[in-house]
Protein backbone atom coordinates (compact mmCIF):
# COMPACT_ATOMS: atom_id res chain seq x y z
CA MET A 1 139.01 88.95 81.08
CA LEU A 2 136.18 91.44 80.72
CA ASN A 3 134.65 89.37 77.94
CA ARG A 4 134.14 86.48 80.35
CA PHE A 5 131.01 88.30 81.38
CA PHE A 6 129.57 87.48 77.96
CA SER A 7 130.48 83.81 78.17
CA ILE A 8 129.08 82.84 81.60
CA PRO A 9 126.09 80.47 81.49
CA THR A 10 122.90 82.26 80.53
CA LYS A 11 121.05 81.32 83.73
CA TYR A 12 123.78 83.00 85.80
CA PHE A 13 123.65 86.13 83.65
CA LEU A 14 119.87 86.37 84.08
CA LEU A 15 120.09 85.68 87.82
CA LEU A 16 122.81 88.34 88.15
CA GLY A 17 120.64 90.99 86.51
CA ILE A 18 117.53 90.06 88.50
CA GLY A 19 119.47 89.74 91.75
CA LEU A 20 121.11 93.15 91.37
CA TYR A 21 117.78 94.78 90.49
CA LEU A 22 116.21 93.19 93.58
CA ILE A 23 119.03 94.31 95.87
CA LEU A 24 118.63 97.90 94.69
CA HIS A 25 114.80 97.91 94.97
CA LEU A 26 113.73 95.61 97.81
CA PRO A 27 114.53 98.17 100.55
CA PHE A 28 111.67 100.27 99.11
CA VAL A 29 109.17 97.49 98.37
CA ASN A 30 106.65 98.68 100.98
CA LEU A 31 106.47 102.26 99.72
CA PRO A 32 103.13 103.70 98.55
CA PRO A 33 103.03 105.50 95.20
CA THR A 34 105.65 108.21 95.39
CA GLY A 35 108.20 110.09 93.34
CA ASN A 36 107.96 111.32 89.77
CA HIS A 37 104.47 111.17 88.20
CA VAL A 38 102.85 109.93 91.37
CA TRP A 39 99.48 110.83 89.85
CA ARG A 40 99.99 108.27 87.07
CA GLN A 41 100.74 105.56 89.61
CA SER A 42 97.77 106.57 91.76
CA ASN A 43 95.36 106.37 88.83
CA SER A 44 96.37 102.82 87.95
CA LEU A 45 96.38 101.70 91.57
CA ALA A 46 92.94 103.20 92.16
CA ILE A 47 91.48 101.26 89.23
CA ALA A 48 93.07 98.06 90.53
CA LYS A 49 91.75 98.73 94.04
CA ASN A 50 88.25 99.32 92.71
CA TYR A 51 88.36 96.02 90.81
CA TYR A 52 89.49 94.39 94.05
CA GLU A 53 86.69 95.96 96.09
CA ASP A 54 83.80 96.20 93.61
CA GLY A 55 84.24 93.18 91.33
CA LEU A 56 86.45 91.98 88.47
CA ASN A 57 84.39 93.15 85.50
CA ILE A 58 87.31 94.20 83.28
CA ILE A 59 85.18 96.25 80.88
CA GLU A 60 84.04 98.59 83.67
CA PRO A 61 87.17 100.33 85.00
CA LYS A 62 86.36 102.67 87.88
CA ILE A 63 88.22 105.68 89.23
CA ASP A 64 87.96 107.48 92.58
CA LYS A 65 87.46 110.95 91.14
CA ARG A 66 83.91 110.04 90.22
CA TYR A 67 81.83 113.07 91.34
CA ASP A 68 78.28 111.71 91.79
CA GLY A 69 78.68 108.90 89.23
CA SER A 70 79.67 105.25 89.39
CA GLY A 71 83.31 105.94 88.55
CA VAL A 72 83.17 103.91 85.33
CA THR A 73 85.02 105.79 82.62
CA GLY A 74 87.17 105.41 79.52
CA THR A 75 90.74 104.18 79.95
CA ASN A 76 93.38 102.33 78.02
CA PHE A 77 92.57 98.61 78.21
CA PRO A 78 92.98 97.94 81.97
CA LEU A 79 94.62 94.49 81.80
CA TYR A 80 97.49 95.65 84.02
CA GLU A 81 95.10 96.87 86.72
CA TRP A 82 92.85 93.82 86.43
CA VAL A 83 95.70 91.33 86.91
CA LEU A 84 96.96 93.42 89.85
CA ALA A 85 93.47 93.20 91.40
CA VAL A 86 93.59 89.41 91.02
CA ASN A 87 96.89 89.46 92.90
CA TYR A 88 95.23 91.52 95.64
CA LYS A 89 92.56 88.82 95.87
CA ILE A 90 95.28 86.17 96.32
CA TRP A 91 97.81 87.96 98.52
CA GLY A 92 95.77 90.73 100.12
CA PHE A 93 95.90 94.47 99.53
CA SER A 94 99.29 96.07 100.22
CA HIS A 95 101.82 98.35 98.58
CA ALA A 96 104.34 95.48 98.50
CA VAL A 97 102.05 93.48 96.23
CA HIS A 98 101.97 96.15 93.54
CA ARG A 99 105.75 96.65 93.80
CA MET A 100 106.51 92.93 93.46
CA TYR A 101 103.99 92.66 90.62
CA ALA A 102 105.71 95.51 88.79
CA MET A 103 109.13 93.87 89.21
CA LEU A 104 107.85 90.51 87.94
CA ILE A 105 106.67 92.17 84.73
CA THR A 106 110.03 93.93 84.42
CA PHE A 107 111.95 90.66 84.87
CA LEU A 108 109.86 88.96 82.18
CA CYS A 109 110.65 91.89 79.87
CA PHE A 110 114.35 91.44 80.71
CA LEU A 111 114.15 87.78 79.69
CA LEU A 112 112.31 88.54 76.45
CA VAL A 113 114.72 91.32 75.46
CA TYR A 114 117.53 88.78 75.84
CA LEU A 115 115.69 86.14 73.78
CA ASN A 116 114.78 88.61 71.02
CA PHE A 117 118.26 90.09 70.63
CA LYS A 118 119.93 86.70 70.98
CA SER A 119 118.80 86.32 67.36
CA VAL A 120 121.85 88.42 66.50
CA ASN A 121 124.14 86.53 68.89
CA VAL A 122 124.23 85.66 72.58
CA GLN A 123 126.52 88.55 73.46
CA THR A 124 124.20 91.07 71.80
CA GLY A 125 121.24 89.55 73.63
CA ARG A 126 122.97 90.07 76.96
CA LEU A 127 124.04 93.60 76.09
CA ALA A 128 120.51 94.64 75.09
CA ALA A 129 118.88 92.94 78.09
CA TRP A 130 121.26 94.54 80.60
CA ILE A 131 120.89 98.00 79.09
CA PHE A 132 117.10 97.60 79.15
CA LEU A 133 116.91 96.45 82.78
CA PHE A 134 119.16 99.20 84.10
CA ASN A 135 117.95 101.98 81.87
CA PRO A 136 116.99 104.84 84.25
CA LEU A 137 113.36 104.88 83.06
CA VAL A 138 112.96 101.12 83.51
CA PHE A 139 114.82 101.30 86.81
CA TYR A 140 112.08 103.66 88.04
CA TYR A 141 108.91 102.71 86.17
CA GLY A 142 109.71 98.99 86.31
CA PHE A 143 109.19 99.31 90.08
CA SER A 144 106.14 101.57 89.85
CA ALA A 145 102.50 101.09 88.88
CA LEU A 146 102.81 101.88 85.18
CA PRO A 147 100.72 99.85 82.67
CA ASP A 148 103.21 100.73 79.93
CA MET A 149 105.52 98.02 81.27
CA MET A 150 102.90 95.33 80.59
CA ALA A 151 102.44 96.76 77.09
CA ILE A 152 106.19 96.38 76.57
CA LEU A 153 106.04 92.80 77.87
CA LEU A 154 103.28 91.79 75.46
CA VAL A 155 104.87 93.48 72.45
CA LEU A 156 108.19 91.80 73.30
CA ALA A 157 106.31 88.48 73.38
CA ALA A 158 104.91 89.36 69.94
CA ASN A 159 108.46 89.99 68.73
CA TYR A 160 109.52 86.60 70.08
CA TYR A 161 106.75 84.95 68.07
CA ILE A 162 107.64 86.93 64.93
CA ILE A 163 111.18 85.58 65.21
CA ALA A 164 109.83 82.05 65.77
CA ILE A 165 107.71 82.35 62.60
CA VAL A 166 110.64 83.66 60.57
CA LYS A 167 113.07 81.01 61.79
CA ASN A 168 110.87 77.94 62.33
CA ASN A 169 107.48 78.74 60.77
CA SER A 170 106.01 77.88 64.18
CA VAL A 171 102.27 77.15 64.18
CA PHE A 172 101.88 78.05 67.86
CA ALA A 173 103.62 81.38 67.21
CA LYS A 174 101.10 82.15 64.47
CA ILE A 175 98.29 81.70 67.00
CA ALA A 176 99.96 83.61 69.82
CA LEU A 177 101.27 86.52 67.72
CA PRO A 178 97.97 88.36 67.02
CA ILE A 179 96.86 87.86 70.64
CA CYS A 180 100.04 89.47 72.00
CA ILE A 181 99.90 92.31 69.47
CA SER A 182 96.27 93.07 70.32
CA LEU A 183 96.75 92.99 74.10
CA GLY A 184 99.96 95.02 74.02
CA LEU A 185 98.54 97.76 71.82
CA LEU A 186 95.23 97.76 73.71
CA ILE A 187 97.19 98.82 76.78
CA LYS A 188 99.24 101.45 74.94
CA PHE A 189 99.22 101.52 71.15
CA THR A 190 102.29 103.77 70.99
CA PHE A 191 104.40 100.65 71.57
CA ILE A 192 103.70 99.63 68.00
CA ALA A 193 107.20 101.01 67.38
CA TRP A 194 108.64 98.03 69.28
CA LEU A 195 107.25 95.70 66.60
CA ALA A 196 110.01 96.95 64.33
CA ILE A 197 112.66 95.14 66.41
CA PRO A 198 112.60 91.72 64.68
CA PHE A 199 112.76 93.29 61.24
CA LEU A 200 115.81 95.33 62.24
CA VAL A 201 117.78 92.58 63.98
CA LEU A 202 117.10 89.68 61.59
CA HIS A 203 118.71 89.34 58.17
CA SER A 204 116.40 90.60 55.45
CA LYS A 205 116.68 87.38 53.41
CA LYS A 206 115.10 85.47 56.29
CA VAL A 207 112.33 87.98 56.86
CA LYS A 208 111.19 88.60 53.29
CA PRO A 209 109.57 85.18 52.63
CA GLN A 210 107.45 85.50 55.79
CA LEU A 211 106.30 89.08 55.28
CA PRO A 212 102.90 88.17 53.75
CA ILE A 213 101.92 85.87 56.63
CA LEU A 214 103.17 88.39 59.23
CA ILE A 215 101.06 91.12 57.65
CA MET A 216 98.03 88.79 57.49
CA LEU A 217 98.43 88.00 61.19
CA GLY A 218 99.23 91.55 62.30
CA LEU A 219 96.54 93.61 60.60
CA PRO A 220 93.51 91.76 62.07
CA ALA A 221 95.12 92.14 65.50
CA MET A 222 94.46 95.87 65.22
CA ILE A 223 90.67 95.38 65.10
CA PRO A 224 90.20 94.81 68.87
CA VAL A 225 92.42 97.84 69.53
CA PHE A 226 90.19 100.19 67.55
CA MET A 227 87.07 98.56 69.01
CA TRP A 228 88.26 99.12 72.57
CA TYR A 229 89.16 102.76 72.02
CA ARG A 230 85.76 103.35 70.49
CA TYR A 231 84.18 101.75 73.55
CA ALA A 232 86.44 103.79 75.86
CA ASN A 233 85.28 106.98 74.17
CA GLN A 234 81.66 105.92 74.75
CA LEU A 235 82.39 105.36 78.45
CA THR A 236 84.02 108.78 78.60
CA ALA A 237 80.96 110.38 77.08
CA LEU A 238 78.69 108.62 79.59
CA ALA A 239 80.97 109.86 82.39
CA GLN A 240 80.54 113.42 81.08
CA GLY A 241 84.14 113.64 79.92
CA ASN A 242 85.64 112.36 83.18
CA VAL A 243 88.38 110.39 81.40
CA GLU A 244 91.57 108.85 82.72
CA PHE A 245 94.70 108.42 80.59
CA VAL A 246 93.32 107.28 77.26
CA TYR A 247 96.34 108.18 75.16
CA TYR A 248 95.82 110.91 72.62
CA ALA A 249 98.82 112.26 70.76
CA ARG A 250 99.04 116.00 71.27
CA MET A 251 101.34 118.04 69.08
CA LEU A 252 102.85 121.35 70.12
CA SER A 253 101.55 124.31 68.17
CA THR A 254 103.68 127.22 69.36
CA PHE A 255 107.32 128.16 69.00
CA GLU A 256 107.58 128.54 72.76
CA GLY A 257 106.30 125.01 73.23
CA TRP A 258 108.85 123.56 70.82
CA SER A 259 111.58 125.57 72.52
CA ASN A 260 110.58 124.13 75.90
CA LEU A 261 110.53 120.61 74.47
CA PHE A 262 113.99 121.06 72.97
CA THR A 263 115.31 122.28 76.33
CA ASN A 264 113.67 119.31 78.06
CA LEU A 265 115.18 116.88 75.57
CA LEU A 266 118.65 118.26 76.12
CA SER A 267 118.35 117.92 79.89
CA ALA A 268 116.26 114.79 80.41
CA VAL A 269 117.16 112.53 77.50
CA PRO A 270 120.89 112.04 78.23
CA GLU A 271 120.36 111.25 81.92
CA LEU A 272 116.98 109.47 81.89
CA PHE A 273 116.30 108.01 78.44
CA PHE A 274 119.87 106.87 77.79
CA GLY A 275 121.70 107.28 81.06
CA TYR A 276 125.12 108.77 80.36
CA PRO A 277 126.84 105.36 80.01
CA GLY A 278 124.06 104.31 77.65
CA LEU A 279 124.50 107.48 75.62
CA ILE A 280 128.11 106.58 74.93
CA LEU A 281 127.01 103.07 73.96
CA LEU A 282 124.40 104.58 71.64
CA LEU A 283 127.03 106.62 69.84
CA LEU A 284 129.20 103.53 69.40
CA GLY A 285 126.23 101.56 68.13
CA PHE A 286 125.26 104.30 65.69
CA ILE A 287 128.80 104.56 64.32
CA PHE A 288 129.12 100.83 63.79
CA GLY A 289 125.54 100.54 62.57
CA VAL A 290 126.07 103.11 59.83
CA ALA A 291 129.54 101.90 58.94
CA ARG A 292 128.64 98.21 58.83
CA PRO A 293 124.95 97.82 57.96
CA ASN A 294 123.46 94.44 57.12
CA LYS A 295 123.52 93.66 53.46
CA GLY A 296 120.30 93.68 51.51
CA LYS A 297 118.23 96.58 50.22
CA ILE A 298 115.15 95.64 52.18
CA GLN A 299 117.09 96.14 55.42
CA TRP A 300 117.41 99.82 54.58
CA ILE A 301 113.66 99.98 54.08
CA TYR A 302 113.19 98.77 57.64
CA TRP A 303 115.70 101.29 58.99
CA VAL A 304 114.09 104.17 57.12
CA GLY A 305 110.67 102.98 58.27
CA ALA A 306 111.81 102.82 61.90
CA LEU A 307 113.34 106.29 61.67
CA ALA A 308 110.16 107.68 60.11
CA MET A 309 108.12 106.05 62.89
CA ALA A 310 110.34 107.58 65.58
CA ILE A 311 110.18 111.08 64.03
CA THR A 312 106.41 110.82 63.58
CA TYR A 313 106.01 109.84 67.21
CA LEU A 314 108.27 112.63 68.47
CA VAL A 315 106.33 115.23 66.49
CA SER A 316 102.80 113.93 67.11
CA ALA A 317 103.38 113.36 70.85
CA SER A 318 105.55 116.44 71.34
CA HIS A 319 103.14 117.99 73.85
CA ASN A 320 102.99 114.76 75.86
CA LEU A 321 106.79 114.54 75.98
CA ILE A 322 107.29 117.91 77.69
CA ASP A 323 106.19 116.81 81.16
CA HIS A 324 105.90 113.03 80.89
CA ASP A 325 109.20 111.21 80.60
CA TYR A 326 107.51 107.79 80.37
CA TYR A 327 106.38 108.78 76.87
CA PHE A 328 109.98 108.12 75.86
CA LEU A 329 109.53 104.39 76.56
CA PRO A 330 108.05 103.65 73.10
CA LEU A 331 111.40 104.75 71.62
CA LEU A 332 113.49 102.58 73.93
CA GLY A 333 113.10 99.55 71.66
CA LEU A 334 114.68 101.41 68.75
CA LEU A 335 117.52 102.47 71.03
CA LEU A 336 118.20 98.82 71.85
CA VAL A 337 118.30 98.04 68.13
CA VAL A 338 120.99 100.66 67.58
CA LEU A 339 123.00 99.21 70.47
CA SER A 340 122.69 95.77 68.91
CA ARG A 341 124.87 97.03 66.04
CA LEU A 342 127.95 96.87 68.24
CA PRO A 343 130.47 94.32 66.88
CA LYS A 344 132.07 91.78 69.20
CA LYS A 345 135.36 93.67 69.29
CA ALA A 346 133.59 96.57 71.00
CA PHE A 347 132.21 94.43 73.83
CA SER A 348 135.16 95.07 76.15
CA VAL A 349 134.42 98.79 76.09
CA SER A 350 130.68 98.23 76.21
CA LEU A 351 131.03 95.99 79.28
CA MET A 352 132.63 98.76 81.30
CA LEU A 353 129.81 101.09 80.31
CA MET A 354 127.21 98.39 81.03
CA LEU A 355 128.51 97.96 84.57
CA LEU A 356 128.10 101.70 85.10
CA MET A 357 124.41 101.61 84.10
CA PRO A 358 123.04 100.29 87.44
CA VAL A 359 125.36 102.66 89.29
CA TRP A 360 124.10 105.66 87.33
CA SER A 361 120.44 104.64 87.52
CA ALA A 362 120.59 104.01 91.27
CA ALA A 363 122.31 107.34 91.89
CA ARG A 364 119.88 109.22 89.67
CA ILE A 365 116.61 107.56 90.77
CA ILE A 366 116.81 106.31 94.36
CA PRO A 367 117.63 109.51 96.32
CA ALA A 368 115.25 111.65 94.28
CA ASN A 369 112.24 109.36 94.58
CA TRP A 370 112.38 106.81 97.39
CA VAL A 371 114.85 107.74 100.11
CA GLY A 372 113.15 109.20 103.19
CA VAL A 373 109.61 108.27 102.15
CA ASP A 374 107.57 106.75 104.99
CA SER A 375 105.96 103.42 104.09
CA GLU A 376 103.09 104.33 106.43
CA THR A 377 102.34 107.63 104.70
CA LEU A 378 98.69 108.65 105.36
CA GLN A 379 97.90 105.23 106.86
CA VAL A 380 96.70 106.73 110.16
CA GLU A 381 94.45 109.16 108.29
CA LYS A 382 93.08 106.39 106.07
CA GLU A 383 92.20 104.16 109.03
CA TRP A 384 90.52 107.03 110.89
CA LEU A 385 88.35 107.84 107.87
CA ALA A 386 87.47 104.17 107.37
CA HIS A 387 85.86 104.16 110.82
CA ARG A 388 84.22 107.56 110.37
CA LEU A 389 82.74 107.40 106.85
CA GLU A 390 80.48 105.01 104.98
CA ALA A 391 81.77 103.47 101.75
CA SER A 392 79.01 105.22 99.80
CA ASP A 393 79.79 108.70 101.16
CA ARG A 394 80.91 111.23 98.56
CA VAL A 395 83.54 113.72 99.72
CA ILE A 396 85.29 116.75 98.35
CA CYS A 397 89.00 115.99 98.80
CA GLY A 398 92.04 118.25 98.55
CA THR A 399 93.96 120.22 97.98
CA ASP A 400 95.54 117.85 95.49
CA PRO A 401 96.75 119.09 92.10
CA SER A 402 96.81 115.50 90.83
CA SER A 403 93.09 115.05 91.64
CA CYS A 404 93.73 111.38 92.43
CA TYR A 405 96.59 110.83 94.92
CA LEU A 406 94.67 111.79 98.07
CA PHE A 407 91.57 109.90 96.94
CA TYR A 408 93.65 106.73 96.61
CA MET A 409 95.77 107.17 99.73
CA LEU A 410 92.81 108.09 101.98
CA GLY A 411 90.46 105.50 100.52
CA VAL A 412 87.65 107.93 99.64
CA LYS A 413 85.73 108.85 96.49
CA GLY A 414 84.03 111.92 95.17
CA TYR A 415 84.90 115.42 94.01
CA PRO A 416 88.39 116.84 93.35
CA TYR A 417 89.67 119.96 95.08
CA LEU A 418 92.78 121.05 93.22
CA ALA A 419 93.86 124.36 94.75
CA LEU A 420 92.96 126.99 97.34
CA GLY A 421 90.07 129.20 96.24
CA GLU A 422 88.78 126.74 93.65
CA LEU A 423 85.64 125.78 95.57
CA GLU A 424 84.44 129.39 95.58
CA GLU A 425 84.82 129.81 91.84
CA VAL A 426 81.76 129.96 89.60
CA LYS A 427 81.36 127.27 86.95
CA ASP A 428 78.36 126.93 84.66
CA GLY A 429 76.57 129.67 86.61
CA GLN A 430 76.98 128.02 90.01
CA VAL A 431 79.54 128.18 92.81
CA ILE A 432 81.53 124.93 92.64
CA ILE A 433 81.01 123.91 96.28
CA ASP A 434 77.27 124.55 95.91
CA SER A 435 77.24 122.35 92.84
CA TYR A 436 79.08 119.54 94.65
CA ILE A 437 76.73 119.69 97.66
CA ASN A 438 73.70 119.65 95.38
CA GLN A 439 75.11 116.56 93.68
CA GLY A 440 75.49 114.73 97.00
CA ALA A 441 78.80 115.73 98.62
CA LYS A 442 78.50 115.20 102.39
CA TYR A 443 82.00 116.04 103.55
CA LEU A 444 85.00 118.17 102.75
CA ILE A 445 88.45 116.72 103.50
CA THR A 446 91.05 119.46 103.48
CA ASN A 447 94.72 119.74 104.30
CA GLN A 448 94.57 123.55 104.26
CA SER A 449 94.12 125.32 107.61
CA MET A 450 93.24 128.49 105.69
CA ASP A 451 89.96 126.85 104.65
CA LEU A 452 88.89 126.83 108.30
CA GLU A 453 89.05 130.63 108.44
CA ASN A 454 87.61 131.27 105.00
CA ASP A 455 84.30 133.09 105.45
CA GLY A 456 83.28 132.11 101.94
CA LEU A 457 83.46 128.43 102.91
CA LYS A 458 82.57 128.53 106.60
CA LYS A 459 78.91 129.12 105.84
CA TYR A 460 78.78 125.59 104.40
CA PHE A 461 80.33 123.95 107.50
CA ALA A 462 78.22 122.01 110.00
CA GLN A 463 81.06 120.36 111.94
CA VAL A 464 84.87 120.41 111.82
CA GLU A 465 86.94 117.43 113.04
CA PRO A 466 90.75 117.37 112.95
CA PHE A 467 92.39 114.04 112.20
CA GLY A 468 95.87 112.74 111.44
CA THR A 469 98.54 115.29 110.66
CA ASP A 470 97.16 118.56 109.26
CA PHE A 471 93.89 117.14 107.97
CA TRP A 472 90.32 118.14 108.77
CA LEU A 473 87.05 116.37 108.05
CA ILE A 474 84.28 118.92 107.62
CA THR A 475 80.66 117.84 107.64
CA LEU A 476 78.80 119.98 105.11
CA LYS A 477 75.38 121.44 105.62
CA PRO A 478 72.89 119.57 103.44
CA LYS A 479 71.46 121.30 100.38
CA LYS A 480 68.38 123.39 101.02
């Protein structure tokens, strides 16, 4: 009876997954960026908003933390933000637009995971697609402003075309493949690991004859990737190092760091990367995958290569992985491959675990990130400032450890104010607030009442205006 789930028409299976995901997420569709890694969401949303407001020149991504500059700086290729800005042009600017946009990308990924793993069999395609959609990380980041999800989408499309070339020698696939590889890796080149999927799920005898053409198509696709990152580094240099999330692998160099990473892996990986039901499925997949590997020596080459890629990534990005759980997403594709090793006789057990995945993800993600968040957060303050300030005004804004959330939510641009006392510190021989005023800062926005009584700052104040809830707009005395 349980196996009937694997035999229902495909359209109903896909609609069931999408419908359940929508039911669990739609109550929160109007929320602003919130929850885990809100800074990452705010950065992407700010770039999209600036495209929407300042023009759709994709090669000039702009951030709000721009000091006295234009805001143009180096980023990963901002296709995600650019397409979101186009949606803003069509539907208007709102939090719901970015949430629905994120879910659309996630649903397309869901479809492509099914199509890719259907190459093994239909049941495996459904297993992999369901586990992907209700993986805790995808449950959260698939509803948030995270460009990584578009990178996954494009690399999954590349996988689909690899399979089409292997099976049908498709001419269209040969054209589309390098485009998808380039765009996916331009957004986040760490998802190169996902390109191993077709080679691990297809029989080696089918893949081997097409290897030369796949290599010939894949290698040139890397050229635009390297060209963009070179250009992004040039933009960063022009912005005096004011860079936003260009990915650089950072490896831990101390024993304490590795110890912290190991502790983080033990706590976060079972509940977030796998989800506990998914962890059990992984163990089943690993057991059956080792016990019943595909025949053919070349298949083992792919497996060893995928394992080497995973270990290399874990080591090289070890510093990134300590505090950024979305850096586990590049490894999710390899996890799905291991799960695809489950034989049909294990599907009854796997189905029960699959049905627990959305339950676990909802319980783990929703209360911790979305419940109780006001959809109108900082809206009153933003509207007040819109009537009080000019668009060209540069402000010092804080305190905000993320250096981007308040800029985005309040709709202002300028100089970051990370923590109490920072503005009085000396940097490059000058007090920081003096430096900001000399560069053109006209106002200080603060959420710290202690700043109002700080004698070291009060000498810079010309006028203090309270607004919203626990915010003050302080007009600064002009530079002498």
